[in-house]
Amino acid sequence: MLQKQGARRESLQAKIFGGGQVMHNFTTMNVGERNTRFVRDYLRTEHIPIVSEDVLDIYPRKVCYFPASGKAMVKRLAHTHPEALVAQEVRGNAAAVAQSTAGGSVDLF
C-alpha cells in the first residue's frame, strides 16, 4: 500500500515493537517469539532494514508513532507476572534493554 501511495522501496525502514510474553502461563506456543521471528524474516526478505526495535521480554507496550517525523515512543506497561520483576531488574533497566541502530530511535516514556 505504501508503494501505491508513492513510497520508494529503497527508502523504506522499519521499527518493530511487541512480541512480549504478557500472559504468565502462555509459554508452550511462544507466540511473541514466533511473531517476532516472522516479522524479522519478512523484513529481511523484503530488504527493509530494521532501524529500531523493542521486542520480546515480558512487558505489554503502548506505542505512539509520529509518521511525519518517523519518531516512535514506547511505554512498557505493568506486566502480568510480577515475580519476574526481580530477574528483569538484574538484566538492566528499560533504556538499556531497548535497542536502536543508526537511522532510528526509540524513546521510552
PDB file of N, CA and C in Angstrom:
ATOM      1  N   MET A   1       0.824  -1.193   0.000  1.00  0.00           N
ATOM      2  CA  MET A   1       0.000   0.000   0.000  1.00  0.00           C
ATOM      3  C   MET A   1       0.873   1.264   0.000  1.00  0.00           C
ATOM      4  N   LEU A   2       1.986   1.222   0.750  1.00  0.00           N
ATOM      5  CA  LEU A   2       2.867   2.393   0.779  1.00  0.00           C
ATOM      6  C   LEU A   2       3.404   2.710  -0.613  1.00  0.00           C
ATOM      7  N   GLN A   3       3.781   1.668  -1.360  1.00  0.00           N
ATOM      8  CA  GLN A   3       4.294   1.895  -2.707  1.00  0.00           C
ATOM      9  C   GLN A   3       3.206   2.426  -3.635  1.00  0.00           C
ATOM     10  N   LYS A   4       1.985   1.985  -3.444  1.00  0.00           N
ATOM     11  CA  LYS A   4       0.878   2.503  -4.243  1.00  0.00           C
ATOM     12  C   LYS A   4       0.640   3.982  -3.958  1.00  0.00           C
ATOM     13  N   GLN A   5       0.999   4.402  -2.739  1.00  0.00           N
ATOM     14  CA  GLN A   5       0.845   5.801  -2.347  1.00  0.00           C
ATOM     15  C   GLN A   5       2.048   6.648  -2.771  1.00  0.00           C
ATOM     16  N   GLY A   6       3.077   6.002  -3.369  1.00  0.00           N
ATOM     17  CA  GLY A   6       4.214   6.746  -3.890  1.00  0.00           C
ATOM     18  C   GLY A   6       5.521   6.542  -3.149  1.00  0.00           C
ATOM     19  N   ALA A   7       5.547   5.697  -2.125  1.00  0.00           N
ATOM     20  CA  ALA A   7       6.799   5.438  -1.391  1.00  0.00           C
ATOM     21  C   ALA A   7       7.767   4.662  -2.278  1.00  0.00           C
ATOM     22  N   ARG A   8       9.055   4.945  -2.127  1.00  0.00           N
ATOM     23  CA  ARG A   8      10.084   4.213  -2.856  1.00  0.00           C
ATOM     24  C   ARG A   8      10.589   3.084  -1.971  1.00  0.00           C
ATOM     25  N   ARG A   9      10.664   1.890  -2.517  1.00  0.00           N
ATOM     26  CA  ARG A   9      11.071   0.701  -1.762  1.00  0.00           C
ATOM     27  C   ARG A   9      12.423   0.902  -1.085  1.00  0.00           C
ATOM     28  N   GLU A  10      13.370   1.506  -1.761  1.00  0.00           N
ATOM     29  CA  GLU A  10      14.709   1.675  -1.197  1.00  0.00           C
ATOM     30  C   GLU A  10      14.756   2.653  -0.022  1.00  0.00           C
ATOM     31  N   SER A  11      13.699   3.411   0.179  1.00  0.00           N
ATOM     32  CA  SER A  11      13.679   4.361   1.302  1.00  0.00           C
ATOM     33  C   SER A  11      12.901   3.826   2.504  1.00  0.00           C
ATOM     34  N   LEU A  12      12.320   2.636   2.381  1.00  0.00           N
ATOM     35  CA  LEU A  12      11.544   2.083   3.494  1.00  0.00           C
ATOM     36  C   LEU A  12      12.456   1.613   4.629  1.00  0.00           C
ATOM     37  N   GLN A  13      12.017   1.865   5.850  1.00  0.00           N
ATOM     38  CA  GLN A  13      12.690   1.415   7.065  1.00  0.00           C
ATOM     39  C   GLN A  13      11.612   0.934   8.018  1.00  0.00           C
ATOM     40  N   ALA A  14      11.996   0.064   8.946  1.00  0.00           N
ATOM     41  CA  ALA A  14      11.020  -0.485   9.885  1.00  0.00           C
ATOM     42  C   ALA A  14      11.476  -0.259  11.322  1.00  0.00           C
ATOM     43  N   LYS A  15      10.497  -0.065  12.191  1.00  0.00           N
ATOM     44  CA  LYS A  15      10.683  -0.073  13.634  1.00  0.00           C
ATOM     45  C   LYS A  15       9.702  -1.122  14.146  1.00  0.00           C
ATOM     46  N   ILE A  16      10.195  -2.068  14.952  1.00  0.00           N
ATOM     47  CA  ILE A  16       9.327  -3.152  15.388  1.00  0.00           C
ATOM     48  C   ILE A  16       9.201  -3.157  16.905  1.00  0.00           C
ATOM     49  N   PHE A  17       8.005  -3.500  17.366  1.00  0.00           N
ATOM     50  CA  PHE A  17       7.683  -3.478  18.787  1.00  0.00           C
ATOM     51  C   PHE A  17       6.801  -4.667  19.138  1.00  0.00           C
ATOM     52  N   GLY A  18       6.901  -5.117  20.372  1.00  0.00           N
ATOM     53  CA  GLY A  18       5.984  -6.133  20.871  1.00  0.00           C
ATOM     54  C   GLY A  18       6.622  -7.504  20.982  1.00  0.00           C
ATOM     55  N   GLY A  19       5.795  -8.508  20.880  1.00  0.00           N
ATOM     56  CA  GLY A  19       6.262  -9.877  20.980  1.00  0.00           C
ATOM     57  C   GLY A  19       6.543 -10.317  22.399  1.00  0.00           C
ATOM     58  N   GLY A  20       6.051  -9.554  23.362  1.00  0.00           N
ATOM     59  CA  GLY A  20       6.299  -9.899  24.756  1.00  0.00           C
ATOM     60  C   GLY A  20       5.436 -11.055  25.231  1.00  0.00           C
ATOM     61  N   GLN A  21       5.944 -11.801  26.176  1.00  0.00           N
ATOM     62  CA  GLN A  21       5.171 -12.875  26.805  1.00  0.00           C
ATOM     63  C   GLN A  21       4.378 -12.240  27.942  1.00  0.00           C
ATOM     64  N   VAL A  22       3.244 -11.660  27.603  1.00  0.00           N
ATOM     65  CA  VAL A  22       2.486 -10.863  28.564  1.00  0.00           C
ATOM     66  C   VAL A  22       1.557 -11.689  29.440  1.00  0.00           C
ATOM     67  N   MET A  23       1.322 -12.941  29.080  1.00  0.00           N
ATOM     68  CA  MET A  23       0.498 -13.817  29.909  1.00  0.00           C
ATOM     69  C   MET A  23       1.396 -14.892  30.498  1.00  0.00           C
ATOM     70  N   HIS A  24       1.459 -14.943  31.797  1.00  0.00           N
ATOM     71  CA  HIS A  24       2.417 -15.773  32.527  1.00  0.00           C
ATOM     72  C   HIS A  24       2.362 -17.249  32.143  1.00  0.00           C
ATOM     73  N   ASN A  25       1.201 -17.839  32.023  1.00  0.00           N
ATOM     74  CA  ASN A  25       1.085 -19.279  31.776  1.00  0.00           C
ATOM     75  C   ASN A  25       1.007 -19.645  30.300  1.00  0.00           C
ATOM     76  N   PHE A  26       1.187 -18.690  29.422  1.00  0.00           N
ATOM     77  CA  PHE A  26       1.057 -18.923  27.983  1.00  0.00           C
ATOM     78  C   PHE A  26       2.448 -19.106  27.381  1.00  0.00           C
ATOM     79  N   THR A  27       3.121 -20.213  27.763  1.00  0.00           N
ATOM     80  CA  THR A  27       4.516 -20.404  27.373  1.00  0.00           C
ATOM     81  C   THR A  27       4.726 -21.482  26.316  1.00  0.00           C
ATOM     82  N   THR A  28       3.774 -22.359  26.113  1.00  0.00           N
ATOM     83  CA  THR A  28       4.018 -23.503  25.235  1.00  0.00           C
ATOM     84  C   THR A  28       4.149 -23.115  23.771  1.00  0.00           C
ATOM     85  N   MET A  29       3.432 -22.095  23.318  1.00  0.00           N
ATOM     86  CA  MET A  29       3.467 -21.732  21.901  1.00  0.00           C
ATOM     87  C   MET A  29       4.505 -20.655  21.592  1.00  0.00           C
ATOM     88  N   ASN A  30       4.957 -19.909  22.582  1.00  0.00           N
ATOM     89  CA  ASN A  30       5.905 -18.817  22.354  1.00  0.00           C
ATOM     90  C   ASN A  30       5.451 -17.909  21.209  1.00  0.00           C
ATOM     91  N   VAL A  31       4.218 -17.445  21.306  1.00  0.00           N
ATOM     92  CA  VAL A  31       3.620 -16.648  20.235  1.00  0.00           C
ATOM     93  C   VAL A  31       4.443 -15.395  19.951  1.00  0.00           C
ATOM     94  N   GLY A  32       4.879 -14.703  20.998  1.00  0.00           N
ATOM     95  CA  GLY A  32       5.662 -13.484  20.803  1.00  0.00           C
ATOM     96  C   GLY A  32       6.953 -13.735  20.058  1.00  0.00           C
ATOM     97  N   GLU A  33       7.646 -14.806  20.411  1.00  0.00           N
ATOM     98  CA  GLU A  33       8.890 -15.154  19.718  1.00  0.00           C
ATOM     99  C   GLU A  33       8.623 -15.512  18.264  1.00  0.00           C
ATOM    100  N   ARG A  34       7.566 -16.281  18.042  1.00  0.00           N
ATOM    101  CA  ARG A  34       7.227 -16.673  16.665  1.00  0.00           C
ATOM    102  C   ARG A  34       6.850 -15.452  15.824  1.00  0.00           C
ATOM    103  N   ASN A  35       6.064 -14.543  16.388  1.00  0.00           N
ATOM    104  CA  ASN A  35       5.674 -13.336  15.660  1.00  0.00           C
ATOM    105  C   ASN A  35       6.888 -12.457  15.360  1.00  0.00           C
ATOM    106  N   THR A  36       7.762 -12.319  16.351  1.00  0.00           N
ATOM    107  CA  THR A  36       8.966 -11.507  16.161  1.00  0.00           C
ATOM    108  C   THR A  36       9.851 -12.114  15.080  1.00  0.00           C
ATOM    109  N   ARG A  37      10.037 -13.415  15.121  1.00  0.00           N
ATOM    110  CA  ARG A  37      10.853 -14.097  14.107  1.00  0.00           C
ATOM    111  C   ARG A  37      10.244 -13.902  12.721  1.00  0.00           C
ATOM    112  N   PHE A  38       8.903 -14.030  12.614  1.00  0.00           N
ATOM    113  CA  PHE A  38       8.234 -13.844  11.320  1.00  0.00           C
ATOM    114  C   PHE A  38       8.485 -12.436  10.782  1.00  0.00           C
ATOM    115  N   VAL A  39       8.311 -11.425  11.639  1.00  0.00           N
ATOM    116  CA  VAL A  39       8.491 -10.038  11.195  1.00  0.00           C
ATOM    117  C   VAL A  39       9.927  -9.798  10.744  1.00  0.00           C
ATOM    118  N   ARG A  40      10.889 -10.264  11.531  1.00  0.00           N
ATOM    119  CA  ARG A  40      12.295 -10.084  11.151  1.00  0.00           C
ATOM    120  C   ARG A  40      12.602 -10.787   9.826  1.00  0.00           C
ATOM    121  N   ASP A  41      12.127 -12.022   9.667  1.00  0.00           N
ATOM    122  CA  ASP A  41      12.364 -12.764   8.426  1.00  0.00           C
ATOM    123  C   ASP A  41      11.709 -12.067   7.232  1.00  0.00           C
ATOM    124  N   TYR A  42      10.474 -11.603   7.406  1.00  0.00           N
ATOM    125  CA  TYR A  42       9.759 -10.920   6.331  1.00  0.00           C
ATOM    126  C   TYR A  42      10.507  -9.659   5.898  1.00  0.00           C
ATOM    127  N   LEU A  43      10.900  -8.855   6.873  1.00  0.00           N
ATOM    128  CA  LEU A  43      11.598  -7.613   6.541  1.00  0.00           C
ATOM    129  C   LEU A  43      12.943  -7.893   5.873  1.00  0.00           C
ATOM    130  N   ARG A  44      13.643  -8.925   6.332  1.00  0.00           N
ATOM    131  CA  ARG A  44      14.914  -9.301   5.712  1.00  0.00           C
ATOM    132  C   ARG A  44      14.675  -9.734   4.254  1.00  0.00           C
ATOM    133  N   THR A  45      13.641 -10.546   4.028  1.00  0.00           N
ATOM    134  CA  THR A  45      13.305 -10.999   2.679  1.00  0.00           C
ATOM    135  C   THR A  45      12.970  -9.825   1.763  1.00  0.00           C
ATOM    136  N   GLU A  46      12.279  -8.845   2.307  1.00  0.00           N
ATOM    137  CA  GLU A  46      11.867  -7.670   1.528  1.00  0.00           C
ATOM    138  C   GLU A  46      12.950  -6.587   1.468  1.00  0.00           C
ATOM    139  N   HIS A  47      14.090  -6.851   2.102  1.00  0.00           N
ATOM    140  CA  HIS A  47      15.212  -5.897   2.125  1.00  0.00           C
ATOM    141  C   HIS A  47      14.814  -4.557   2.741  1.00  0.00           C
ATOM    142  N   ILE A  48      14.047  -4.636   3.805  1.00  0.00           N
ATOM    143  CA  ILE A  48      13.644  -3.446   4.558  1.00  0.00           C
ATOM    144  C   ILE A  48      14.404  -3.485   5.878  1.00  0.00           C
ATOM    145  N   PRO A  49      15.297  -2.529   6.107  1.00  0.00           N
ATOM    146  CA  PRO A  49      16.109  -2.567   7.330  1.00  0.00           C
ATOM    147  C   PRO A  49      15.283  -2.219   8.575  1.00  0.00           C
ATOM    148  N   ILE A  50      15.625  -2.890   9.669  1.00  0.00           N
ATOM    149  CA  ILE A  50      15.041  -2.558  10.976  1.00  0.00           C
ATOM    150  C   ILE A  50      15.971  -1.531  11.610  1.00  0.00           C
ATOM    151  N   VAL A  51      15.462  -0.321  11.831  1.00  0.00           N
ATOM    152  CA  VAL A  51      16.311   0.740  12.367  1.00  0.00           C
ATOM    153  C   VAL A  51      16.172   0.878  13.883  1.00  0.00           C
ATOM    154  N   SER A  52      15.081   0.371  14.455  1.00  0.00           N
ATOM    155  CA  SER A  52      14.885   0.401  15.906  1.00  0.00           C
ATOM    156  C   SER A  52      13.947  -0.724  16.283  1.00  0.00           C
ATOM    157  N   GLU A  53      14.106  -1.190  17.520  1.00  0.00           N
ATOM    158  CA  GLU A  53      13.207  -2.241  17.980  1.00  0.00           C
ATOM    159  C   GLU A  53      13.148  -2.263  19.498  1.00  0.00           C
ATOM    160  N   ASP A  54      12.032  -2.735  19.987  1.00  0.00           N
ATOM    161  CA  ASP A  54      11.845  -3.049  21.402  1.00  0.00           C
ATOM    162  C   ASP A  54      10.909  -4.254  21.406  1.00  0.00           C
ATOM    163  N   VAL A  55      11.498  -5.442  21.451  1.00  0.00           N
ATOM    164  CA  VAL A  55      10.723  -6.670  21.285  1.00  0.00           C
ATOM    165  C   VAL A  55      11.019  -7.675  22.390  1.00  0.00           C
ATOM    166  N   LEU A  56      10.132  -8.662  22.458  1.00  0.00           N
ATOM    167  CA  LEU A  56      10.219  -9.791  23.386  1.00  0.00           C
ATOM    168  C   LEU A  56      10.114  -9.319  24.837  1.00  0.00           C
ATOM    169  N   ASP A  57      10.685 -10.046  25.769  1.00  0.00           N
ATOM    170  CA  ASP A  57      10.597  -9.766  27.195  1.00  0.00           C
ATOM    171  C   ASP A  57       9.198 -10.088  27.704  1.00  0.00           C
ATOM    172  N   ILE A  58       8.778  -9.478  28.819  1.00  0.00           N
ATOM    173  CA  ILE A  58       7.505  -9.831  29.450  1.00  0.00           C
ATOM    174  C   ILE A  58       6.521  -8.668  29.484  1.00  0.00           C
ATOM    175  N   TYR A  59       6.869  -7.545  28.887  1.00  0.00           N
ATOM    176  CA  TYR A  59       6.048  -6.350  29.027  1.00  0.00           C
ATOM    177  C   TYR A  59       5.081  -6.131  27.875  1.00  0.00           C
ATOM    178  N   PRO A  60       3.820  -5.798  28.187  1.00  0.00           N
ATOM    179  CA  PRO A  60       2.961  -5.221  27.151  1.00  0.00           C
ATOM    180  C   PRO A  60       3.450  -3.793  26.912  1.00  0.00           C
ATOM    181  N   ARG A  61       3.205  -3.264  25.748  1.00  0.00           N
ATOM    182  CA  ARG A  61       3.720  -1.944  25.395  1.00  0.00           C
ATOM    183  C   ARG A  61       2.628  -1.050  24.841  1.00  0.00           C
ATOM    184  N   LYS A  62       2.805   0.229  25.069  1.00  0.00           N
ATOM    185  CA  LYS A  62       1.994   1.239  24.410  1.00  0.00           C
ATOM    186  C   LYS A  62       2.942   1.971  23.476  1.00  0.00           C
ATOM    187  N   VAL A  63       2.599   2.020  22.191  1.00  0.00           N
ATOM    188  CA  VAL A  63       3.465   2.636  21.193  1.00  0.00           C
ATOM    189  C   VAL A  63       2.756   3.844  20.606  1.00  0.00           C
ATOM    190  N   CYS A  64       3.462   4.967  20.584  1.00  0.00           N
ATOM    191  CA  CYS A  64       2.981   6.173  19.901  1.00  0.00           C
ATOM    192  C   CYS A  64       3.932   6.427  18.740  1.00  0.00           C
ATOM    193  N   TYR A  65       3.380   6.480  17.546  1.00  0.00           N
ATOM    194  CA  TYR A  65       4.195   6.678  16.349  1.00  0.00           C
ATOM    195  C   TYR A  65       3.777   7.974  15.678  1.00  0.00           C
ATOM    196  N   PHE A  66       4.763   8.765  15.269  1.00  0.00           N
ATOM    197  CA  PHE A  66       4.529  10.043  14.619  1.00  0.00           C
ATOM    198  C   PHE A  66       5.033   9.944  13.187  1.00  0.00           C
ATOM    199  N   PRO A  67       4.138   9.673  12.229  1.00  0.00           N
ATOM    200  CA  PRO A  67       4.558   9.393  10.856  1.00  0.00           C
ATOM    201  C   PRO A  67       5.289  10.555  10.178  1.00  0.00           C
ATOM    202  N   ALA A  68       4.959  11.776  10.517  1.00  0.00           N
ATOM    203  CA  ALA A  68       5.611  12.912   9.857  1.00  0.00           C
ATOM    204  C   ALA A  68       7.105  12.960  10.164  1.00  0.00           C
ATOM    205  N   SER A  69       7.478  12.599  11.384  1.00  0.00           N
ATOM    206  CA  SER A  69       8.890  12.650  11.771  1.00  0.00           C
ATOM    207  C   SER A  69       9.546  11.268  11.794  1.00  0.00           C
ATOM    208  N   GLY A  70       8.744  10.211  11.857  1.00  0.00           N
ATOM    209  CA  GLY A  70       9.275   8.861  11.985  1.00  0.00           C
ATOM    210  C   GLY A  70       9.637   8.503  13.412  1.00  0.00           C
ATOM    211  N   LYS A  71       9.339   9.380  14.350  1.00  0.00           N
ATOM    212  CA  LYS A  71       9.675   9.133  15.753  1.00  0.00           C
ATOM    213  C   LYS A  71       8.675   8.160  16.364  1.00  0.00           C
ATOM    214  N   ALA A  72       9.192   7.281  17.218  1.00  0.00           N
ATOM    215  CA  ALA A  72       8.348   6.333  17.942  1.00  0.00           C
ATOM    216  C   ALA A  72       8.661   6.444  19.427  1.00  0.00           C
ATOM    217  N   MET A  73       7.622   6.411  20.243  1.00  0.00           N
ATOM    218  CA  MET A  73       7.792   6.402  21.691  1.00  0.00           C
ATOM    219  C   MET A  73       7.137   5.141  22.227  1.00  0.00           C
ATOM    220  N   VAL A  74       7.828   4.472  23.142  1.00  0.00           N
ATOM    221  CA  VAL A  74       7.345   3.213  23.689  1.00  0.00           C
ATOM    222  C   VAL A  74       7.263   3.326  25.196  1.00  0.00           C
ATOM    223  N   LYS A  75       6.136   2.906  25.733  1.00  0.00           N
ATOM    224  CA  LYS A  75       5.986   2.837  27.186  1.00  0.00           C
ATOM    225  C   LYS A  75       5.720   1.388  27.547  1.00  0.00           C
ATOM    226  N   ARG A  76       6.570   0.852  28.403  1.00  0.00           N
ATOM    227  CA  ARG A  76       6.352  -0.509  28.879  1.00  0.00           C
ATOM    228  C   ARG A  76       5.360  -0.450  30.028  1.00  0.00           C
ATOM    229  N   LEU A  77       4.293  -1.219  29.908  1.00  0.00           N
ATOM    230  CA  LEU A  77       3.238  -1.231  30.911  1.00  0.00           C
ATOM    231  C   LEU A  77       3.518  -2.300  31.955  1.00  0.00           C
ATOM    232  N   ALA A  78       2.787  -2.252  33.047  1.00  0.00           N
ATOM    233  CA  ALA A  78       2.961  -3.248  34.104  1.00  0.00           C
ATOM    234  C   ALA A  78       2.680  -4.631  33.533  1.00  0.00           C
ATOM    235  N   HIS A  79       3.535  -5.571  33.876  1.00  0.00           N
ATOM    236  CA  HIS A  79       3.366  -6.923  33.361  1.00  0.00           C
ATOM    237  C   HIS A  79       2.472  -7.735  34.286  1.00  0.00           C
ATOM    238  N   THR A  80       2.018  -8.870  33.759  1.00  0.00           N
ATOM    239  CA  THR A  80       1.039  -9.672  34.492  1.00  0.00           C
ATOM    240  C   THR A  80       1.664 -10.691  35.414  1.00  0.00           C
ATOM    241  N   HIS A  81       2.983 -10.816  35.417  1.00  0.00           N
ATOM    242  CA  HIS A  81       3.631 -11.762  36.318  1.00  0.00           C
ATOM    243  C   HIS A  81       4.757 -11.052  37.064  1.00  0.00           C
ATOM    244  N   PRO A  82       4.402 -10.382  38.182  1.00  0.00           N
ATOM    245  CA  PRO A  82       5.367  -9.564  38.919  1.00  0.00           C
ATOM    246  C   PRO A  82       6.538 -10.341  39.512  1.00  0.00           C
ATOM    247  N   GLU A  83       6.425 -11.662  39.675  1.00  0.00           N
ATOM    248  CA  GLU A  83       7.551 -12.420  40.230  1.00  0.00           C
ATOM    249  C   GLU A  83       8.772 -12.372  39.310  1.00  0.00           C
ATOM    250  N   ALA A  84       8.561 -12.041  38.045  1.00  0.00           N
ATOM    251  CA  ALA A  84       9.685 -11.936  37.120  1.00  0.00           C
ATOM    252  C   ALA A  84      10.367 -10.572  37.201  1.00  0.00           C
ATOM    253  N   LEU A  85       9.826  -9.662  37.988  1.00  0.00           N
ATOM    254  CA  LEU A  85      10.378  -8.318  38.090  1.00  0.00           C
ATOM    255  C   LEU A  85      11.817  -8.329  38.585  1.00  0.00           C
ATOM    256  N   VAL A  86      12.117  -9.157  39.556  1.00  0.00           N
ATOM    257  CA  VAL A  86      13.474  -9.215  40.095  1.00  0.00           C
ATOM    258  C   VAL A  86      14.460  -9.602  39.004  1.00  0.00           C
ATOM    259  N   ALA A  87      14.128 -10.603  38.227  1.00  0.00           N
ATOM    260  CA  ALA A  87      15.010 -11.041  37.140  1.00  0.00           C
ATOM    261  C   ALA A  87      15.180  -9.928  36.113  1.00  0.00           C
ATOM    262  N   GLN A  88      14.119  -9.198  35.827  1.00  0.00           N
ATOM    263  CA  GLN A  88      14.194  -8.096  34.869  1.00  0.00           C
ATOM    264  C   GLN A  88      15.121  -6.996  35.372  1.00  0.00           C
ATOM    265  N   GLU A  89      15.030  -6.670  36.649  1.00  0.00           N
ATOM    266  CA  GLU A  89      15.870  -5.620  37.204  1.00  0.00           C
ATOM    267  C   GLU A  89      17.341  -6.019  37.169  1.00  0.00           C
ATOM    268  N   VAL A  90      17.617  -7.297  37.332  1.00  0.00           N
ATOM    269  CA  VAL A  90      19.001  -7.774  37.270  1.00  0.00           C
ATOM    270  C   VAL A  90      19.563  -7.574  35.862  1.00  0.00           C
ATOM    271  N   ARG A  91      18.738  -7.803  34.849  1.00  0.00           N
ATOM    272  CA  ARG A  91      19.206  -7.680  33.457  1.00  0.00           C
ATOM    273  C   ARG A  91      19.416  -6.234  33.042  1.00  0.00           C
ATOM    274  N   GLY A  92      18.818  -5.284  33.696  1.00  0.00           N
ATOM    275  CA  GLY A  92      19.027  -3.879  33.349  1.00  0.00           C
ATOM    276  C   GLY A  92      17.726  -3.133  33.218  1.00  0.00           C
ATOM    277  N   ASN A  93      17.813  -1.829  33.183  1.00  0.00           N
ATOM    278  CA  ASN A  93      16.603  -1.025  33.084  1.00  0.00           C
ATOM    279  C   ASN A  93      16.087  -0.970  31.654  1.00  0.00           C
ATOM    280  N   ALA A  94      14.906  -0.428  31.477  1.00  0.00           N
ATOM    281  CA  ALA A  94      14.246  -0.437  30.173  1.00  0.00           C
ATOM    282  C   ALA A  94      15.057   0.294  29.119  1.00  0.00           C
ATOM    283  N   ALA A  95      15.724   1.369  29.475  1.00  0.00           N
ATOM    284  CA  ALA A  95      16.505   2.117  28.489  1.00  0.00           C
ATOM    285  C   ALA A  95      17.670   1.290  27.971  1.00  0.00           C
ATOM    286  N   ALA A  96      18.255   0.465  28.816  1.00  0.00           N
ATOM    287  CA  ALA A  96      19.377  -0.368  28.386  1.00  0.00           C
ATOM    288  C   ALA A  96      18.899  -1.539  27.545  1.00  0.00           C
ATOM    289  N   VAL A  97      17.667  -1.976  27.735  1.00  0.00           N
ATOM    290  CA  VAL A  97      17.148  -3.125  27.009  1.00  0.00           C
ATOM    291  C   VAL A  97      16.748  -2.745  25.588  1.00  0.00           C
ATOM    292  N   ALA A  98      16.184  -1.554  25.414  1.00  0.00           N
ATOM    293  CA  ALA A  98      15.754  -1.121  24.086  1.00  0.00           C
ATOM    294  C   ALA A  98      16.971  -0.979  23.189  1.00  0.00           C
ATOM    295  N   GLN A  99      16.880  -1.530  21.997  1.00  0.00           N
ATOM    296  CA  GLN A  99      17.996  -1.480  21.077  1.00  0.00           C
ATOM    297  C   GLN A  99      17.670  -0.522  19.947  1.00  0.00           C
ATOM    298  N   SER A 100      18.653   0.251  19.533  1.00  0.00           N
ATOM    299  CA  SER A 100      18.458   1.071  18.339  1.00  0.00           C
ATOM    300  C   SER A 100      19.750   1.085  17.560  1.00  0.00           C
ATOM    301  N   THR A 101      19.623   1.251  16.272  1.00  0.00           N
ATOM    302  CA  THR A 101      20.778   1.317  15.401  1.00  0.00           C
ATOM    303  C   THR A 101      20.718   2.626  14.639  1.00  0.00           C
ATOM    304  N   ALA A 102      21.733   2.912  13.875  1.00  0.00           N
ATOM    305  CA  ALA A 102      21.781   4.154  13.123  1.00  0.00           C
ATOM    306  C   ALA A 102      20.540   4.300  12.251  1.00  0.00           C
ATOM    307  N   GLY A 103      20.000   5.475  12.213  1.00  0.00           N
ATOM    308  CA  GLY A 103      18.851   5.758  11.356  1.00  0.00           C
ATOM    309  C   GLY A 103      17.536   5.748  12.083  1.00  0.00           C
ATOM    310  N   GLY A 104      17.499   5.443  13.352  1.00  0.00           N
ATOM    311  CA  GLY A 104      16.228   5.434  14.064  1.00  0.00           C
ATOM    312  C   GLY A 104      16.442   5.492  15.546  1.00  0.00           C
ATOM    313  N   SER A 105      15.364   5.794  16.227  1.00  0.00           N
ATOM    314  CA  SER A 105      15.457   5.816  17.686  1.00  0.00           C
ATOM    315  C   SER A 105      14.128   5.413  18.286  1.00  0.00           C
ATOM    316  N   VAL A 106      14.208   5.003  19.520  1.00  0.00           N
ATOM    317  CA  VAL A 106      13.025   4.657  20.284  1.00  0.00           C
ATOM    318  C   VAL A 106      13.136   5.395  21.599  1.00  0.00           C
ATOM    319  N   ASP A 107      12.123   6.162  21.964  1.00  0.00           N
ATOM    320  CA  ASP A 107      12.105   6.831  23.251  1.00  0.00           C
ATOM    321  C   ASP A 107      11.190   6.078  24.180  1.00  0.00           C
ATOM    322  N   LEU A 108      11.702   5.717  25.340  1.00  0.00           N
ATOM    323  CA  LEU A 108      10.882   5.102  26.351  1.00  0.00           C
ATOM    324  C   LEU A 108      10.322   6.202  27.224  1.00  0.00           C
ATOM    325  N   PHE A 109       8.996   6.191  27.468  1.00  0.00           N
ATOM    326  CA  PHE A 109       8.401   7.253  28.279  1.00  0.00           C
ATOM    327  C   PHE A 109       7.569   6.686  29.375  1.00  0.00           C
TER     328      PHE A 109
END
